[in-house]
Amino acid sequence: MDQPVELSLEQQFSLRSFETQVERMSHEQAQSFLIKLYEQMMLRETMYKHFLKHEWGLESGSRFD
């Protein structure tokens, strides 16, 4: 994995669109949005951890307990 990870063209377009939306927000709207975004990132991380534990059989009550 020596090559840097790059965004696809579609992702780059989406990022630019997002950037434009954020630039049009008020300071208060941007702060509120960032808090919600951070919450969603934490929830996604928690879900990934749960899915990986399930896939790898590391959950309590799994066959390895």
PDB file of N, CA and C in Angstrom:
ATOM      1  N   MET A   1       0.843  -1.183   0.000  1.00  0.00           N
ATOM      2  CA  MET A   1       0.000   0.000   0.000  1.00  0.00           C
ATOM      3  C   MET A   1       0.887   1.243   0.000  1.00  0.00           C
ATOM      4  N   ASP A   2       1.753   1.342  -0.988  1.00  0.00           N
ATOM      5  CA  ASP A   2       2.665   2.467  -1.108  1.00  0.00           C
ATOM      6  C   ASP A   2       2.018   3.668  -1.784  1.00  0.00           C
ATOM      7  N   GLN A   3       0.950   3.431  -2.536  1.00  0.00           N
ATOM      8  CA  GLN A   3       0.287   4.523  -3.229  1.00  0.00           C
ATOM      9  C   GLN A   3      -0.662   5.258  -2.280  1.00  0.00           C
ATOM     10  N   PRO A   4      -0.660   6.606  -2.351  1.00  0.00           N
ATOM     11  CA  PRO A   4      -1.594   7.343  -1.500  1.00  0.00           C
ATOM     12  C   PRO A   4      -3.030   7.110  -1.961  1.00  0.00           C
ATOM     13  N   VAL A   5      -3.941   7.121  -1.021  1.00  0.00           N
ATOM     14  CA  VAL A   5      -5.350   6.942  -1.344  1.00  0.00           C
ATOM     15  C   VAL A   5      -5.882   8.259  -1.891  1.00  0.00           C
ATOM     16  N   GLU A   6      -6.584   8.193  -2.992  1.00  0.00           N
ATOM     17  CA  GLU A   6      -7.126   9.395  -3.625  1.00  0.00           C
ATOM     18  C   GLU A   6      -8.630   9.268  -3.760  1.00  0.00           C
ATOM     19  N   LEU A   7      -9.286  10.417  -3.793  1.00  0.00           N
ATOM     20  CA  LEU A   7     -10.728  10.444  -3.986  1.00  0.00           C
ATOM     21  C   LEU A   7     -11.058  10.229  -5.459  1.00  0.00           C
ATOM     22  N   SER A   8     -12.174   9.540  -5.681  1.00  0.00           N
ATOM     23  CA  SER A   8     -12.640   9.375  -7.052  1.00  0.00           C
ATOM     24  C   SER A   8     -13.136  10.737  -7.566  1.00  0.00           C
ATOM     25  N   LEU A   9     -13.355  10.838  -8.847  1.00  0.00           N
ATOM     26  CA  LEU A   9     -13.864  12.062  -9.445  1.00  0.00           C
ATOM     27  C   LEU A   9     -15.222  12.425  -8.846  1.00  0.00           C
ATOM     28  N   GLU A  10     -16.060  11.427  -8.650  1.00  0.00           N
ATOM     29  CA  GLU A  10     -17.376  11.656  -8.042  1.00  0.00           C
ATOM     30  C   GLU A  10     -17.232  12.183  -6.609  1.00  0.00           C
ATOM     31  N   GLN A  11     -16.292  11.630  -5.851  1.00  0.00           N
ATOM     32  CA  GLN A  11     -16.055  12.090  -4.483  1.00  0.00           C
ATOM     33  C   GLN A  11     -15.507  13.515  -4.471  1.00  0.00           C
ATOM     34  N   GLN A  12     -14.628  13.826  -5.405  1.00  0.00           N
ATOM     35  CA  GLN A  12     -14.096  15.189  -5.500  1.00  0.00           C
ATOM     36  C   GLN A  12     -15.209  16.192  -5.787  1.00  0.00           C
ATOM     37  N   PHE A  13     -16.117  15.829  -6.675  1.00  0.00           N
ATOM     38  CA  PHE A  13     -17.258  16.685  -6.990  1.00  0.00           C
ATOM     39  C   PHE A  13     -18.134  16.870  -5.756  1.00  0.00           C
ATOM     40  N   SER A  14     -18.391  15.782  -5.053  1.00  0.00           N
ATOM     41  CA  SER A  14     -19.208  15.840  -3.845  1.00  0.00           C
ATOM     42  C   SER A  14     -18.553  16.726  -2.791  1.00  0.00           C
ATOM     43  N   LEU A  15     -17.253  16.620  -2.647  1.00  0.00           N
ATOM     44  CA  LEU A  15     -16.517  17.451  -1.693  1.00  0.00           C
ATOM     45  C   LEU A  15     -16.630  18.924  -2.055  1.00  0.00           C
ATOM     46  N   ARG A  16     -16.493  19.236  -3.323  1.00  0.00           N
ATOM     47  CA  ARG A  16     -16.602  20.635  -3.761  1.00  0.00           C
ATOM     48  C   ARG A  16     -18.004  21.174  -3.517  1.00  0.00           C
ATOM     49  N   SER A  17     -19.007  20.363  -3.762  1.00  0.00           N
ATOM     50  CA  SER A  17     -20.390  20.760  -3.503  1.00  0.00           C
ATOM     51  C   SER A  17     -20.597  21.008  -2.010  1.00  0.00           C
ATOM     52  N   PHE A  18     -20.056  20.138  -1.188  1.00  0.00           N
ATOM     53  CA  PHE A  18     -20.138  20.275   0.260  1.00  0.00           C
ATOM     54  C   PHE A  18     -19.443  21.563   0.705  1.00  0.00           C
ATOM     55  N   GLU A  19     -18.285  21.822   0.146  1.00  0.00           N
ATOM     56  CA  GLU A  19     -17.528  23.031   0.477  1.00  0.00           C
ATOM     57  C   GLU A  19     -18.362  24.284   0.197  1.00  0.00           C
ATOM     58  N   THR A  20     -19.041  24.294  -0.930  1.00  0.00           N
ATOM     59  CA  THR A  20     -19.885  25.432  -1.297  1.00  0.00           C
ATOM     60  C   THR A  20     -21.020  25.604  -0.295  1.00  0.00           C
ATOM     61  N   GLN A  21     -21.643  24.496   0.108  1.00  0.00           N
ATOM     62  CA  GLN A  21     -22.728  24.567   1.091  1.00  0.00           C
ATOM     63  C   GLN A  21     -22.225  25.132   2.411  1.00  0.00           C
ATOM     64  N   VAL A  22     -21.066  24.679   2.865  1.00  0.00           N
ATOM     65  CA  VAL A  22     -20.513  25.138   4.142  1.00  0.00           C
ATOM     66  C   VAL A  22     -20.178  26.625   4.073  1.00  0.00           C
ATOM     67  N   GLU A  23     -19.635  27.067   2.954  1.00  0.00           N
ATOM     68  CA  GLU A  23     -19.282  28.482   2.811  1.00  0.00           C
ATOM     69  C   GLU A  23     -20.497  29.383   2.938  1.00  0.00           C
ATOM     70  N   ARG A  24     -21.663  28.876   2.606  1.00  0.00           N
ATOM     71  CA  ARG A  24     -22.899  29.671   2.658  1.00  0.00           C
ATOM     72  C   ARG A  24     -23.566  29.636   4.032  1.00  0.00           C
ATOM     73  N   MET A  25     -23.059  28.820   4.949  1.00  0.00           N
ATOM     74  CA  MET A  25     -23.643  28.708   6.282  1.00  0.00           C
ATOM     75  C   MET A  25     -23.201  29.875   7.163  1.00  0.00           C
ATOM     76  N   SER A  26     -24.066  30.215   8.111  1.00  0.00           N
ATOM     77  CA  SER A  26     -23.654  31.167   9.140  1.00  0.00           C
ATOM     78  C   SER A  26     -22.710  30.450  10.100  1.00  0.00           C
ATOM     79  N   HIS A  27     -22.035  31.224  10.932  1.00  0.00           N
ATOM     80  CA  HIS A  27     -21.119  30.649  11.913  1.00  0.00           C
ATOM     81  C   HIS A  27     -21.855  29.662  12.821  1.00  0.00           C
ATOM     82  N   GLU A  28     -23.038  30.041  13.291  1.00  0.00           N
ATOM     83  CA  GLU A  28     -23.822  29.179  14.187  1.00  0.00           C
ATOM     84  C   GLU A  28     -24.268  27.897  13.482  1.00  0.00           C
ATOM     85  N   GLN A  29     -24.688  28.018  12.228  1.00  0.00           N
ATOM     86  CA  GLN A  29     -25.090  26.841  11.458  1.00  0.00           C
ATOM     87  C   GLN A  29     -23.911  25.899  11.270  1.00  0.00           C
ATOM     88  N   ALA A  30     -22.754  26.456  10.980  1.00  0.00           N
ATOM     89  CA  ALA A  30     -21.560  25.629  10.766  1.00  0.00           C
ATOM     90  C   ALA A  30     -21.171  24.903  12.052  1.00  0.00           C
ATOM     91  N   GLN A  31     -21.251  25.582  13.190  1.00  0.00           N
ATOM     92  CA  GLN A  31     -20.925  24.939  14.462  1.00  0.00           C
ATOM     93  C   GLN A  31     -21.888  23.800  14.750  1.00  0.00           C
ATOM     94  N   SER A  32     -23.168  24.035  14.574  1.00  0.00           N
ATOM     95  CA  SER A  32     -24.171  22.996  14.805  1.00  0.00           C
ATOM     96  C   SER A  32     -23.958  21.814  13.862  1.00  0.00           C
ATOM     97  N   PHE A  33     -23.669  22.122  12.608  1.00  0.00           N
ATOM     98  CA  PHE A  33     -23.429  21.084  11.617  1.00  0.00           C
ATOM     99  C   PHE A  33     -22.221  20.235  11.982  1.00  0.00           C
ATOM    100  N   LEU A  34     -21.145  20.880  12.432  1.00  0.00           N
ATOM    101  CA  LEU A  34     -19.937  20.144  12.811  1.00  0.00           C
ATOM    102  C   LEU A  34     -20.192  19.210  13.979  1.00  0.00           C
ATOM    103  N   ILE A  35     -20.979  19.643  14.935  1.00  0.00           N
ATOM    104  CA  ILE A  35     -21.300  18.794  16.083  1.00  0.00           C
ATOM    105  C   ILE A  35     -22.063  17.560  15.623  1.00  0.00           C
ATOM    106  N   LYS A  36     -23.059  17.751  14.754  1.00  0.00           N
ATOM    107  CA  LYS A  36     -23.829  16.616  14.226  1.00  0.00           C
ATOM    108  C   LYS A  36     -22.946  15.698  13.389  1.00  0.00           C
ATOM    109  N   LEU A  37     -22.066  16.281  12.587  1.00  0.00           N
ATOM    110  CA  LEU A  37     -21.171  15.493  11.756  1.00  0.00           C
ATOM    111  C   LEU A  37     -20.246  14.635  12.609  1.00  0.00           C
ATOM    112  N   TYR A  38     -19.714  15.225  13.674  1.00  0.00           N
ATOM    113  CA  TYR A  38     -18.821  14.490  14.573  1.00  0.00           C
ATOM    114  C   TYR A  38     -19.574  13.340  15.249  1.00  0.00           C
ATOM    115  N   GLU A  39     -20.799  13.603  15.655  1.00  0.00           N
ATOM    116  CA  GLU A  39     -21.619  12.543  16.262  1.00  0.00           C
ATOM    117  C   GLU A  39     -21.813  11.392  15.279  1.00  0.00           C
ATOM    118  N   GLN A  40     -22.118  11.708  14.030  1.00  0.00           N
ATOM    119  CA  GLN A  40     -22.309  10.668  13.017  1.00  0.00           C
ATOM    120  C   GLN A  40     -21.021   9.895  12.766  1.00  0.00           C
ATOM    121  N   MET A  41     -19.882  10.573  12.802  1.00  0.00           N
ATOM    122  CA  MET A  41     -18.595   9.886  12.619  1.00  0.00           C
ATOM    123  C   MET A  41     -18.347   8.901  13.759  1.00  0.00           C
ATOM    124  N   MET A  42     -18.672   9.313  14.976  1.00  0.00           N
ATOM    125  CA  MET A  42     -18.482   8.423  16.122  1.00  0.00           C
ATOM    126  C   MET A  42     -19.427   7.229  16.040  1.00  0.00           C
ATOM    127  N   LEU A  43     -20.671   7.457  15.627  1.00  0.00           N
ATOM    128  CA  LEU A  43     -21.615   6.351  15.467  1.00  0.00           C
ATOM    129  C   LEU A  43     -21.145   5.376  14.394  1.00  0.00           C
ATOM    130  N   ARG A  44     -20.622   5.897  13.298  1.00  0.00           N
ATOM    131  CA  ARG A  44     -20.127   5.029  12.226  1.00  0.00           C
ATOM    132  C   ARG A  44     -18.948   4.194  12.727  1.00  0.00           C
ATOM    133  N   GLU A  45     -18.049   4.815  13.480  1.00  0.00           N
ATOM    134  CA  GLU A  45     -16.911   4.088  14.034  1.00  0.00           C
ATOM    135  C   GLU A  45     -17.383   2.972  14.961  1.00  0.00           C
ATOM    136  N   THR A  46     -18.374   3.276  15.785  1.00  0.00           N
ATOM    137  CA  THR A  46     -18.924   2.273  16.697  1.00  0.00           C
ATOM    138  C   THR A  46     -19.548   1.117  15.918  1.00  0.00           C
ATOM    139  N   MET A  47     -20.262   1.439  14.839  1.00  0.00           N
ATOM    140  CA  MET A  47     -20.873   0.390  14.022  1.00  0.00           C
ATOM    141  C   MET A  47     -19.800  -0.470  13.355  1.00  0.00           C
ATOM    142  N   TYR A  48     -18.740   0.158  12.822  1.00  0.00           N
ATOM    143  CA  TYR A  48     -17.651  -0.604  12.211  1.00  0.00           C
ATOM    144  C   TYR A  48     -17.020  -1.564  13.212  1.00  0.00           C
ATOM    145  N   LYS A  49     -16.767  -1.058  14.416  1.00  0.00           N
ATOM    146  CA  LYS A  49     -16.187  -1.915  15.453  1.00  0.00           C
ATOM    147  C   LYS A  49     -17.103  -3.085  15.765  1.00  0.00           C
ATOM    148  N   HIS A  50     -18.398  -2.815  15.877  1.00  0.00           N
ATOM    149  CA  HIS A  50     -19.363  -3.879  16.159  1.00  0.00           C
ATOM    150  C   HIS A  50     -19.369  -4.915  15.029  1.00  0.00           C
ATOM    151  N   PHE A  51     -19.421  -4.438  13.783  1.00  0.00           N
ATOM    152  CA  PHE A  51     -19.439  -5.356  12.640  1.00  0.00           C
ATOM    153  C   PHE A  51     -18.170  -6.199  12.573  1.00  0.00           C
ATOM    154  N   LEU A  52     -17.022  -5.564  12.813  1.00  0.00           N
ATOM    155  CA  LEU A  52     -15.762  -6.318  12.783  1.00  0.00           C
ATOM    156  C   LEU A  52     -15.715  -7.362  13.897  1.00  0.00           C
ATOM    157  N   LYS A  53     -16.137  -6.992  15.105  1.00  0.00           N
ATOM    158  CA  LYS A  53     -16.168  -7.955  16.205  1.00  0.00           C
ATOM    159  C   LYS A  53     -17.071  -9.128  15.851  1.00  0.00           C
ATOM    160  N   HIS A  54     -18.210  -8.821  15.240  1.00  0.00           N
ATOM    161  CA  HIS A  54     -19.143  -9.886  14.847  1.00  0.00           C
ATOM    162  C   HIS A  54     -18.518 -10.783  13.778  1.00  0.00           C
ATOM    163  N   GLU A  55     -17.923 -10.171  12.756  1.00  0.00           N
ATOM    164  CA  GLU A  55     -17.318 -10.942  11.670  1.00  0.00           C
ATOM    165  C   GLU A  55     -16.142 -11.784  12.147  1.00  0.00           C
ATOM    166  N   TRP A  56     -15.381 -11.265  13.075  1.00  0.00           N
ATOM    167  CA  TRP A  56     -14.199 -11.961  13.562  1.00  0.00           C
ATOM    168  C   TRP A  56     -14.505 -12.865  14.748  1.00  0.00           C
ATOM    169  N   GLY A  57     -15.787 -12.927  15.159  1.00  0.00           N
ATOM    170  CA  GLY A  57     -16.176 -13.789  16.258  1.00  0.00           C
ATOM    171  C   GLY A  57     -15.630 -13.356  17.599  1.00  0.00           C
ATOM    172  N   LEU A  58     -15.509 -12.065  17.823  1.00  0.00           N
ATOM    173  CA  LEU A  58     -14.935 -11.561  19.062  1.00  0.00           C
ATOM    174  C   LEU A  58     -15.989 -11.030  20.049  1.00  0.00           C
ATOM    175  N   GLU A  59     -17.250 -11.125  19.691  1.00  0.00           N
ATOM    176  CA  GLU A  59     -18.320 -10.643  20.569  1.00  0.00           C
ATOM    177  C   GLU A  59     -18.497 -11.602  21.735  1.00  0.00           C
ATOM    178  N   SER A  60     -18.971 -11.064  22.859  1.00  0.00           N
ATOM    179  CA  SER A  60     -19.257 -11.953  23.982  1.00  0.00           C
ATOM    180  C   SER A  60     -20.362 -12.920  23.570  1.00  0.00           C
ATOM    181  N   GLY A  61     -20.248 -14.132  24.012  1.00  0.00           N
ATOM    182  CA  GLY A  61     -21.199 -15.157  23.593  1.00  0.00           C
ATOM    183  C   GLY A  61     -20.834 -15.795  22.259  1.00  0.00           C
ATOM    184  N   SER A  62     -19.658 -15.421  21.722  1.00  0.00           N
ATOM    185  CA  SER A  62     -19.249 -16.008  20.452  1.00  0.00           C
ATOM    186  C   SER A  62     -18.692 -17.416  20.696  1.00  0.00           C
ATOM    187  N   ARG A  63     -18.347 -18.072  19.663  1.00  0.00           N
ATOM    188  CA  ARG A  63     -17.856 -19.461  19.763  1.00  0.00           C
ATOM    189  C   ARG A  63     -16.508 -19.553  20.456  1.00  0.00           C
ATOM    190  N   PHE A  64     -15.817 -18.421  20.645  1.00  0.00           N
ATOM    191  CA  PHE A  64     -14.496 -18.433  21.271  1.00  0.00           C
ATOM    192  C   PHE A  64     -14.536 -18.163  22.763  1.00  0.00           C
ATOM    193  N   ASP A  65     -15.724 -17.914  23.336  1.00  0.00           N
ATOM    194  CA  ASP A  65     -15.817 -17.644  24.797  1.00  0.00           C
ATOM    195  C   ASP A  65     -15.637 -18.902  25.593  1.00  0.00           C
TER     196      ASP A  65
END
